[in-house]
Amino acid sequence: MDVINTLGLFIGSLISNTLASLSGGGAGLIQFPLLIFLGLPFSIALATHKVASVALGVGAAIKHIRSGSLNWTLAAYVVAAGSLGVILGANVILFVPGRIAEALLGGLIVGLGLYSLFQKELGQTEQPQHRNHVGMLLGGLGLALIGILNGSLTAGTGLFVTLFLVRWFGFDYKRAVALTLVSVGLFWNGIGAVTMYTAGAEIYWPWIPVLLLGSLLGGYLGAHLATQKSNRLIKRCFELLTFVIGFKLLFGF
């Protein structure tokens, strides 16, 4: 790429990952379409995006660890619960046309935003629930289903995990976003990238350094903002991103 395209790729990656790190998902909203716009075929763009998104989790993890807002036991639970789903989804997407699935996912994501919008106090304070053995088992099944979406589609599934952690386990938005960014951004996306690569998907390695830098810095910056801002602001950012991503997937623009 020339200097202008390289700069555009970096800025797009930085912006998308900053928003995702603040809101709990959605880095693919800008980054994935940008890769296609710059000339990569769908499958190569998807695999390349998955690899780059791992740096989002690294950047977020560094900040959340430093701030003491991350519970590694809970993060390990989310990783374990969703991993099999991620592997299954990453294998399936290589053989399934994505347009109908993306439209359905878009409708679901818009529904998430509407639900959060009308539940005024959702995620504003932590209210622990469903954290006994039965609740953790059922929660693990829910995360496994979201993992299938994460492995197979490009954007928005981190938002599912964020809202699921808020609604099912009673986390506030700050805690849920921290868990999502580390579990999904670092581990789920890493597992998905490795699975797609071993299944035959091609990664465009020349663009990876620029994408990794943008994802790493964006992940750290978004996590920094998330630790400084209120749960209500994070909730509003989450809702805004669900509407933008949802309508994009739904209508394909």
C-alpha atoms as a PDB file:
ATOM      1  CA  MET A   1       0.000   0.000   0.000  1.00  0.00           C
ATOM      2  CA  ASP A   2       1.025   3.612  -0.421  1.00  0.00           C
ATOM      3  CA  VAL A   3       1.409   6.004   2.520  1.00  0.00           C
ATOM      4  CA  ILE A   4      -2.151   7.395   2.274  1.00  0.00           C
ATOM      5  CA  ASN A   5      -3.806   3.950   2.302  1.00  0.00           C
ATOM      6  CA  THR A   6      -1.549   2.820   5.144  1.00  0.00           C
ATOM      7  CA  LEU A   7      -2.486   5.893   7.190  1.00  0.00           C
ATOM      8  CA  GLY A   8      -6.178   5.352   6.429  1.00  0.00           C
ATOM      9  CA  LEU A   9      -5.943   1.718   7.496  1.00  0.00           C
ATOM     10  CA  PHE A  10      -4.274   2.706  10.774  1.00  0.00           C
ATOM     11  CA  ILE A  11      -6.797   5.483  11.557  1.00  0.00           C
ATOM     12  CA  GLY A  12      -9.743   3.214  10.733  1.00  0.00           C
ATOM     13  CA  SER A  13      -8.354   0.478  12.956  1.00  0.00           C
ATOM     14  CA  LEU A  14      -7.639   2.927  15.796  1.00  0.00           C
ATOM     15  CA  ILE A  15     -11.144   4.452  15.718  1.00  0.00           C
ATOM     16  CA  SER A  16     -13.000   1.152  15.428  1.00  0.00           C
ATOM     17  CA  ASN A  17     -11.062  -0.509  18.228  1.00  0.00           C
ATOM     18  CA  THR A  18     -11.331   2.505  20.538  1.00  0.00           C
ATOM     19  CA  LEU A  19     -15.128   2.466  20.154  1.00  0.00           C
ATOM     20  CA  ALA A  20     -15.231  -1.306  20.605  1.00  0.00           C
ATOM     21  CA  SER A  21     -13.084  -1.166  23.737  1.00  0.00           C
ATOM     22  CA  LEU A  22     -15.297   1.528  25.245  1.00  0.00           C
ATOM     23  CA  SER A  23     -18.606  -0.158  24.387  1.00  0.00           C
ATOM     24  CA  GLY A  24     -17.791  -3.847  24.644  1.00  0.00           C
ATOM     25  CA  GLY A  25     -17.674  -4.882  20.982  1.00  0.00           C
ATOM     26  CA  GLY A  26     -18.135  -3.888  17.365  1.00  0.00           C
ATOM     27  CA  ALA A  27     -14.576  -3.400  16.077  1.00  0.00           C
ATOM     28  CA  GLY A  28     -15.561  -5.012  12.787  1.00  0.00           C
ATOM     29  CA  LEU A  29     -17.993  -2.180  12.026  1.00  0.00           C
ATOM     30  CA  ILE A  30     -15.217  -0.066  10.481  1.00  0.00           C
ATOM     31  CA  GLN A  31     -12.187  -2.319  10.302  1.00  0.00           C
ATOM     32  CA  PHE A  32     -13.668  -5.263   8.395  1.00  0.00           C
ATOM     33  CA  PRO A  33     -15.437  -3.233   5.644  1.00  0.00           C
ATOM     34  CA  LEU A  34     -12.290  -1.107   5.338  1.00  0.00           C
ATOM     35  CA  LEU A  35     -10.233  -4.205   4.503  1.00  0.00           C
ATOM     36  CA  ILE A  36     -12.718  -5.121   1.771  1.00  0.00           C
ATOM     37  CA  PHE A  37     -12.756  -1.546   0.461  1.00  0.00           C
ATOM     38  CA  LEU A  38      -8.966  -1.641   0.173  1.00  0.00           C
ATOM     39  CA  GLY A  39      -9.196  -4.742  -2.003  1.00  0.00           C
ATOM     40  CA  LEU A  40      -9.208  -7.902   0.123  1.00  0.00           C
ATOM     41  CA  PRO A  41     -11.721 -10.668  -0.730  1.00  0.00           C
ATOM     42  CA  PHE A  42     -14.337 -11.442   1.958  1.00  0.00           C
ATOM     43  CA  SER A  43     -12.745 -14.592   3.413  1.00  0.00           C
ATOM     44  CA  ILE A  44      -9.229 -13.096   3.505  1.00  0.00           C
ATOM     45  CA  ALA A  45     -10.533  -9.857   5.032  1.00  0.00           C
ATOM     46  CA  LEU A  46     -12.417 -11.844   7.707  1.00  0.00           C
ATOM     47  CA  ALA A  47      -9.388 -13.925   8.695  1.00  0.00           C
ATOM     48  CA  THR A  48      -7.111 -10.856   8.672  1.00  0.00           C
ATOM     49  CA  HIS A  49      -9.585  -8.923  10.829  1.00  0.00           C
ATOM     50  CA  LYS A  50      -9.759 -11.805  13.320  1.00  0.00           C
ATOM     51  CA  VAL A  51      -5.984 -11.801  13.738  1.00  0.00           C
ATOM     52  CA  ALA A  52      -5.817  -8.027  14.155  1.00  0.00           C
ATOM     53  CA  SER A  53      -8.660  -8.031  16.698  1.00  0.00           C
ATOM     54  CA  VAL A  54      -6.548 -10.061  19.112  1.00  0.00           C
ATOM     55  CA  ALA A  55      -4.475  -6.920  19.734  1.00  0.00           C
ATOM     56  CA  LEU A  56      -7.678  -5.169  20.845  1.00  0.00           C
ATOM     57  CA  GLY A  57      -7.917  -7.664  23.698  1.00  0.00           C
ATOM     58  CA  VAL A  58      -4.231  -7.219  24.526  1.00  0.00           C
ATOM     59  CA  GLY A  59      -4.549  -3.435  24.737  1.00  0.00           C
ATOM     60  CA  ALA A  60      -7.708  -3.639  26.832  1.00  0.00           C
ATOM     61  CA  ALA A  61      -6.199  -6.299  29.109  1.00  0.00           C
ATOM     62  CA  ILE A  62      -3.119  -4.152  29.829  1.00  0.00           C
ATOM     63  CA  LYS A  63      -5.275  -1.225  30.946  1.00  0.00           C
ATOM     64  CA  HIS A  64      -7.830  -3.247  32.927  1.00  0.00           C
ATOM     65  CA  ILE A  65      -5.098  -5.208  34.721  1.00  0.00           C
ATOM     66  CA  ARG A  66      -3.354  -1.981  35.686  1.00  0.00           C
ATOM     67  CA  SER A  67      -6.627  -0.520  36.974  1.00  0.00           C
ATOM     68  CA  GLY A  68      -7.537  -3.685  38.901  1.00  0.00           C
ATOM     69  CA  SER A  69     -10.937  -4.001  37.186  1.00  0.00           C
ATOM     70  CA  LEU A  70     -10.427  -7.499  35.742  1.00  0.00           C
ATOM     71  CA  ASN A  71     -11.372 -10.787  37.426  1.00  0.00           C
ATOM     72  CA  TRP A  72      -9.303 -13.504  35.750  1.00  0.00           C
ATOM     73  CA  THR A  73     -11.446 -16.330  37.151  1.00  0.00           C
ATOM     74  CA  LEU A  74     -14.551 -14.925  35.500  1.00  0.00           C
ATOM     75  CA  ALA A  75     -12.589 -14.180  32.317  1.00  0.00           C
ATOM     76  CA  ALA A  76     -11.427 -17.814  32.190  1.00  0.00           C
ATOM     77  CA  TYR A  77     -15.046 -18.947  32.598  1.00  0.00           C
ATOM     78  CA  VAL A  78     -16.217 -16.808  29.664  1.00  0.00           C
ATOM     79  CA  VAL A  79     -13.315 -18.034  27.511  1.00  0.00           C
ATOM     80  CA  ALA A  80     -13.965 -21.694  28.308  1.00  0.00           C
ATOM     81  CA  ALA A  81     -17.732 -21.408  27.823  1.00  0.00           C
ATOM     82  CA  GLY A  82     -17.479 -19.864  24.358  1.00  0.00           C
ATOM     83  CA  SER A  83     -14.418 -21.580  22.886  1.00  0.00           C
ATOM     84  CA  LEU A  84     -16.129 -24.637  21.379  1.00  0.00           C
ATOM     85  CA  GLY A  85     -18.772 -22.403  19.843  1.00  0.00           C
ATOM     86  CA  VAL A  86     -16.084 -20.171  18.325  1.00  0.00           C
ATOM     87  CA  ILE A  87     -14.325 -23.168  16.761  1.00  0.00           C
ATOM     88  CA  LEU A  88     -17.590 -24.510  15.346  1.00  0.00           C
ATOM     89  CA  GLY A  89     -18.616 -21.129  13.939  1.00  0.00           C
ATOM     90  CA  ALA A  90     -15.201 -20.471  12.378  1.00  0.00           C
ATOM     91  CA  ASN A  91     -15.385 -23.777  10.495  1.00  0.00           C
ATOM     92  CA  VAL A  92     -18.996 -23.334   9.407  1.00  0.00           C
ATOM     93  CA  ILE A  93     -18.636 -19.810   7.975  1.00  0.00           C
ATOM     94  CA  LEU A  94     -16.165 -21.003   5.328  1.00  0.00           C
ATOM     95  CA  PHE A  95     -18.996 -22.957   3.666  1.00  0.00           C
ATOM     96  CA  VAL A  96     -22.089 -20.814   4.334  1.00  0.00           C
ATOM     97  CA  PRO A  97     -23.175 -17.683   2.393  1.00  0.00           C
ATOM     98  CA  GLY A  98     -23.132 -14.845   4.874  1.00  0.00           C
ATOM     99  CA  ARG A  99     -25.700 -12.279   3.688  1.00  0.00           C
ATOM    100  CA  ILE A 100     -28.846 -13.799   5.239  1.00  0.00           C
ATOM    101  CA  ALA A 101     -26.997 -14.602   8.454  1.00  0.00           C
ATOM    102  CA  GLU A 102     -25.662 -11.046   8.646  1.00  0.00           C
ATOM    103  CA  ALA A 103     -29.159  -9.595   8.163  1.00  0.00           C
ATOM    104  CA  LEU A 104     -30.573 -11.796  10.935  1.00  0.00           C
ATOM    105  CA  LEU A 105     -27.691 -10.858  13.206  1.00  0.00           C
ATOM    106  CA  GLY A 106     -28.307  -7.188  12.440  1.00  0.00           C
ATOM    107  CA  GLY A 107     -31.927  -7.492  13.532  1.00  0.00           C
ATOM    108  CA  LEU A 108     -30.889  -9.177  16.769  1.00  0.00           C
ATOM    109  CA  ILE A 109     -28.299  -6.494  17.524  1.00  0.00           C
ATOM    110  CA  VAL A 110     -30.841  -3.700  16.977  1.00  0.00           C
ATOM    111  CA  GLY A 111     -33.063  -5.590  19.410  1.00  0.00           C
ATOM    112  CA  LEU A 112     -30.231  -5.570  21.970  1.00  0.00           C
ATOM    113  CA  GLY A 113     -29.899  -1.816  21.659  1.00  0.00           C
ATOM    114  CA  LEU A 114     -33.651  -1.259  22.043  1.00  0.00           C
ATOM    115  CA  TYR A 115     -33.778  -3.528  25.088  1.00  0.00           C
ATOM    116  CA  SER A 116     -30.907  -1.675  26.759  1.00  0.00           C
ATOM    117  CA  LEU A 117     -32.408   1.713  25.819  1.00  0.00           C
ATOM    118  CA  PHE A 118     -35.751   0.994  27.475  1.00  0.00           C
ATOM    119  CA  GLN A 119     -34.235  -0.670  30.554  1.00  0.00           C
ATOM    120  CA  LYS A 120     -33.135   2.590  32.142  1.00  0.00           C
ATOM    121  CA  GLU A 121     -31.249   1.167  35.129  1.00  0.00           C
ATOM    122  CA  LEU A 122     -29.792  -1.858  33.386  1.00  0.00           C
ATOM    123  CA  GLY A 123     -26.116  -2.288  34.209  1.00  0.00           C
ATOM    124  CA  GLN A 124     -25.813   0.894  36.276  1.00  0.00           C
ATOM    125  CA  THR A 125     -24.966  -0.962  39.481  1.00  0.00           C
ATOM    126  CA  GLU A 126     -23.773  -4.515  39.990  1.00  0.00           C
ATOM    127  CA  GLN A 127     -26.567  -6.834  41.181  1.00  0.00           C
ATOM    128  CA  PRO A 128     -25.141 -10.380  41.364  1.00  0.00           C
ATOM    129  CA  GLN A 129     -27.492 -13.137  40.210  1.00  0.00           C
ATOM    130  CA  HIS A 130     -27.379 -16.605  38.634  1.00  0.00           C
ATOM    131  CA  ARG A 131     -23.906 -17.222  40.039  1.00  0.00           C
ATOM    132  CA  ASN A 132     -24.681 -20.608  41.576  1.00  0.00           C
ATOM    133  CA  HIS A 133     -23.851 -23.901  39.831  1.00  0.00           C
ATOM    134  CA  VAL A 134     -27.077 -24.041  37.813  1.00  0.00           C
ATOM    135  CA  GLY A 135     -26.859 -20.390  36.802  1.00  0.00           C
ATOM    136  CA  MET A 136     -23.230 -20.752  35.721  1.00  0.00           C
ATOM    137  CA  LEU A 137     -24.073 -23.853  33.681  1.00  0.00           C
ATOM    138  CA  LEU A 138     -26.974 -22.167  31.880  1.00  0.00           C
ATOM    139  CA  GLY A 139     -24.876 -19.036  31.407  1.00  0.00           C
ATOM    140  CA  GLY A 140     -22.132 -21.162  29.873  1.00  0.00           C
ATOM    141  CA  LEU A 141     -24.597 -22.569  27.342  1.00  0.00           C
ATOM    142  CA  GLY A 142     -25.663 -19.044  26.427  1.00  0.00           C
ATOM    143  CA  LEU A 143     -22.054 -17.962  25.958  1.00  0.00           C
ATOM    144  CA  ALA A 144     -21.378 -21.052  23.808  1.00  0.00           C
ATOM    145  CA  LEU A 145     -24.201 -20.037  21.457  1.00  0.00           C
ATOM    146  CA  ILE A 146     -22.786 -16.513  21.216  1.00  0.00           C
ATOM    147  CA  GLY A 147     -19.391 -18.106  20.543  1.00  0.00           C
ATOM    148  CA  ILE A 148     -20.793 -19.722  17.394  1.00  0.00           C
ATOM    149  CA  LEU A 149     -21.810 -16.278  16.137  1.00  0.00           C
ATOM    150  CA  ASN A 150     -18.410 -14.866  17.057  1.00  0.00           C
ATOM    151  CA  GLY A 151     -16.562 -17.538  15.120  1.00  0.00           C
ATOM    152  CA  SER A 152     -18.713 -17.183  12.032  1.00  0.00           C
ATOM    153  CA  LEU A 153     -19.555 -13.474  11.669  1.00  0.00           C
ATOM    154  CA  THR A 154     -17.584 -10.278  11.538  1.00  0.00           C
ATOM    155  CA  ALA A 155     -19.030  -7.658  13.876  1.00  0.00           C
ATOM    156  CA  GLY A 156     -21.253  -7.175  16.865  1.00  0.00           C
ATOM    157  CA  THR A 157     -20.978 -10.426  18.782  1.00  0.00           C
ATOM    158  CA  GLY A 158     -18.958  -8.798  21.567  1.00  0.00           C
ATOM    159  CA  LEU A 159     -22.029  -6.645  22.171  1.00  0.00           C
ATOM    160  CA  PHE A 160     -24.040  -9.825  22.745  1.00  0.00           C
ATOM    161  CA  VAL A 161     -21.556 -10.971  25.371  1.00  0.00           C
ATOM    162  CA  THR A 162     -21.569  -7.568  27.090  1.00  0.00           C
ATOM    163  CA  LEU A 163     -25.352  -7.438  27.406  1.00  0.00           C
ATOM    164  CA  PHE A 164     -25.543 -11.127  28.350  1.00  0.00           C
ATOM    165  CA  LEU A 165     -23.127 -10.574  31.241  1.00  0.00           C
ATOM    166  CA  VAL A 166     -25.147  -7.554  32.371  1.00  0.00           C
ATOM    167  CA  ARG A 167     -28.553  -9.209  32.066  1.00  0.00           C
ATOM    168  CA  TRP A 168     -27.862 -12.778  33.173  1.00  0.00           C
ATOM    169  CA  PHE A 169     -25.144 -12.344  35.794  1.00  0.00           C
ATOM    170  CA  GLY A 170     -26.014  -8.814  36.940  1.00  0.00           C
ATOM    171  CA  PHE A 171     -22.695  -7.130  36.149  1.00  0.00           C
ATOM    172  CA  ASP A 172     -22.575  -3.388  35.685  1.00  0.00           C
ATOM    173  CA  TYR A 173     -21.474  -2.154  32.255  1.00  0.00           C
ATOM    174  CA  LYS A 174     -17.892  -1.375  33.310  1.00  0.00           C
ATOM    175  CA  ARG A 175     -17.253  -4.898  34.621  1.00  0.00           C
ATOM    176  CA  ALA A 176     -19.058  -6.516  31.683  1.00  0.00           C
ATOM    177  CA  VAL A 177     -17.078  -4.518  29.111  1.00  0.00           C
ATOM    178  CA  ALA A 178     -13.765  -5.426  30.794  1.00  0.00           C
ATOM    179  CA  LEU A 179     -14.633  -9.140  30.763  1.00  0.00           C
ATOM    180  CA  THR A 180     -15.846  -9.002  27.165  1.00  0.00           C
ATOM    181  CA  LEU A 181     -12.824  -7.190  25.788  1.00  0.00           C
ATOM    182  CA  VAL A 182     -10.343  -9.602  27.337  1.00  0.00           C
ATOM    183  CA  SER A 183     -12.329 -12.829  26.865  1.00  0.00           C
ATOM    184  CA  VAL A 184     -13.709 -12.124  23.390  1.00  0.00           C
ATOM    185  CA  GLY A 185     -11.126  -9.698  22.006  1.00  0.00           C
ATOM    186  CA  LEU A 186      -8.060 -11.614  23.143  1.00  0.00           C
ATOM    187  CA  PHE A 187      -9.078 -15.278  23.417  1.00  0.00           C
ATOM    188  CA  TRP A 188     -12.220 -15.888  21.332  1.00  0.00           C
ATOM    189  CA  ASN A 189     -10.868 -13.922  18.375  1.00  0.00           C
ATOM    190  CA  GLY A 190      -7.485 -15.600  18.752  1.00  0.00           C
ATOM    191  CA  ILE A 191      -9.074 -19.045  18.739  1.00  0.00           C
ATOM    192  CA  GLY A 192     -11.248 -18.070  15.771  1.00  0.00           C
ATOM    193  CA  ALA A 193      -8.253 -16.782  13.810  1.00  0.00           C
ATOM    194  CA  VAL A 194      -6.236 -19.958  14.414  1.00  0.00           C
ATOM    195  CA  THR A 195      -9.227 -22.148  13.523  1.00  0.00           C
ATOM    196  CA  MET A 196      -9.894 -20.302  10.262  1.00  0.00           C
ATOM    197  CA  TYR A 197      -6.209 -20.412   9.338  1.00  0.00           C
ATOM    198  CA  THR A 198      -5.910 -24.167   9.953  1.00  0.00           C
ATOM    199  CA  ALA A 199      -9.169 -24.706   8.023  1.00  0.00           C
ATOM    200  CA  GLY A 200      -7.631 -23.067   4.959  1.00  0.00           C
ATOM    201  CA  ALA A 201      -8.500 -19.361   5.249  1.00  0.00           C
ATOM    202  CA  GLU A 202      -5.792 -17.026   3.941  1.00  0.00           C
ATOM    203  CA  ILE A 203      -4.477 -14.128   6.046  1.00  0.00           C
ATOM    204  CA  TYR A 204      -3.012 -11.057   4.339  1.00  0.00           C
ATOM    205  CA  TRP A 205       0.103 -10.693   6.470  1.00  0.00           C
ATOM    206  CA  PRO A 206       1.542  -7.446   4.955  1.00  0.00           C
ATOM    207  CA  TRP A 207      -1.288  -5.435   6.533  1.00  0.00           C
ATOM    208  CA  ILE A 208      -1.148  -7.155   9.923  1.00  0.00           C
ATOM    209  CA  PRO A 209       1.506  -4.861  11.556  1.00  0.00           C
ATOM    210  CA  VAL A 210      -0.535  -1.691  10.855  1.00  0.00           C
ATOM    211  CA  LEU A 211      -3.763  -3.347  12.029  1.00  0.00           C
ATOM    212  CA  LEU A 212      -2.128  -4.724  15.163  1.00  0.00           C
ATOM    213  CA  LEU A 213      -0.799  -1.290  16.104  1.00  0.00           C
ATOM    214  CA  GLY A 214      -4.199   0.365  15.590  1.00  0.00           C
ATOM    215  CA  SER A 215      -5.983  -2.402  17.509  1.00  0.00           C
ATOM    216  CA  LEU A 216      -3.504  -2.355  20.393  1.00  0.00           C
ATOM    217  CA  LEU A 217      -3.614   1.424  20.849  1.00  0.00           C
ATOM    218  CA  GLY A 218      -7.387   1.543  20.336  1.00  0.00           C
ATOM    219  CA  GLY A 219      -7.958  -1.237  22.857  1.00  0.00           C
ATOM    220  CA  TYR A 220      -5.878   0.562  25.473  1.00  0.00           C
ATOM    221  CA  LEU A 221      -7.437   3.970  24.800  1.00  0.00           C
ATOM    222  CA  GLY A 222     -11.003   2.649  24.896  1.00  0.00           C
ATOM    223  CA  ALA A 223     -10.316   0.720  28.102  1.00  0.00           C
ATOM    224  CA  HIS A 224      -8.837   3.868  29.645  1.00  0.00           C
ATOM    225  CA  LEU A 225     -11.987   5.824  28.776  1.00  0.00           C
ATOM    226  CA  ALA A 226     -14.176   3.008  30.108  1.00  0.00           C
ATOM    227  CA  THR A 227     -12.454   3.080  33.513  1.00  0.00           C
ATOM    228  CA  GLN A 228     -12.799   6.874  33.712  1.00  0.00           C
ATOM    229  CA  LYS A 229     -16.387   7.333  32.522  1.00  0.00           C
ATOM    230  CA  SER A 230     -19.698   6.475  34.162  1.00  0.00           C
ATOM    231  CA  ASN A 231     -21.758   3.331  33.567  1.00  0.00           C
ATOM    232  CA  ARG A 232     -24.487   5.508  32.044  1.00  0.00           C
ATOM    233  CA  LEU A 233     -22.162   6.947  29.397  1.00  0.00           C
ATOM    234  CA  ILE A 234     -20.837   3.482  28.577  1.00  0.00           C
ATOM    235  CA  LYS A 235     -24.438   2.256  28.318  1.00  0.00           C
ATOM    236  CA  ARG A 236     -25.251   5.032  25.844  1.00  0.00           C
ATOM    237  CA  CYS A 237     -22.150   4.234  23.762  1.00  0.00           C
ATOM    238  CA  PHE A 238     -23.169   0.579  23.775  1.00  0.00           C
ATOM    239  CA  GLU A 239     -26.675   1.446  22.551  1.00  0.00           C
ATOM    240  CA  LEU A 240     -25.402   3.785  19.836  1.00  0.00           C
ATOM    241  CA  LEU A 241     -23.009   1.170  18.520  1.00  0.00           C
ATOM    242  CA  THR A 242     -25.706  -1.536  18.504  1.00  0.00           C
ATOM    243  CA  PHE A 243     -27.944   0.626  16.321  1.00  0.00           C
ATOM    244  CA  VAL A 244     -25.167   1.553  13.873  1.00  0.00           C
ATOM    245  CA  ILE A 245     -23.846  -2.008  13.560  1.00  0.00           C
ATOM    246  CA  GLY A 246     -27.312  -3.567  13.561  1.00  0.00           C
ATOM    247  CA  PHE A 247     -28.667  -1.413  10.738  1.00  0.00           C
ATOM    248  CA  LYS A 248     -25.451  -1.855   8.740  1.00  0.00           C
ATOM    249  CA  LEU A 249     -25.715  -5.637   8.945  1.00  0.00           C
ATOM    250  CA  LEU A 250     -29.467  -5.580   8.403  1.00  0.00           C
ATOM    251  CA  PHE A 251     -29.456  -3.443   5.259  1.00  0.00           C
ATOM    252  CA  GLY A 252     -25.941  -4.113   4.008  1.00  0.00           C
ATOM    253  CA  PHE A 253     -24.900  -0.488   3.441  1.00  0.00           C
END
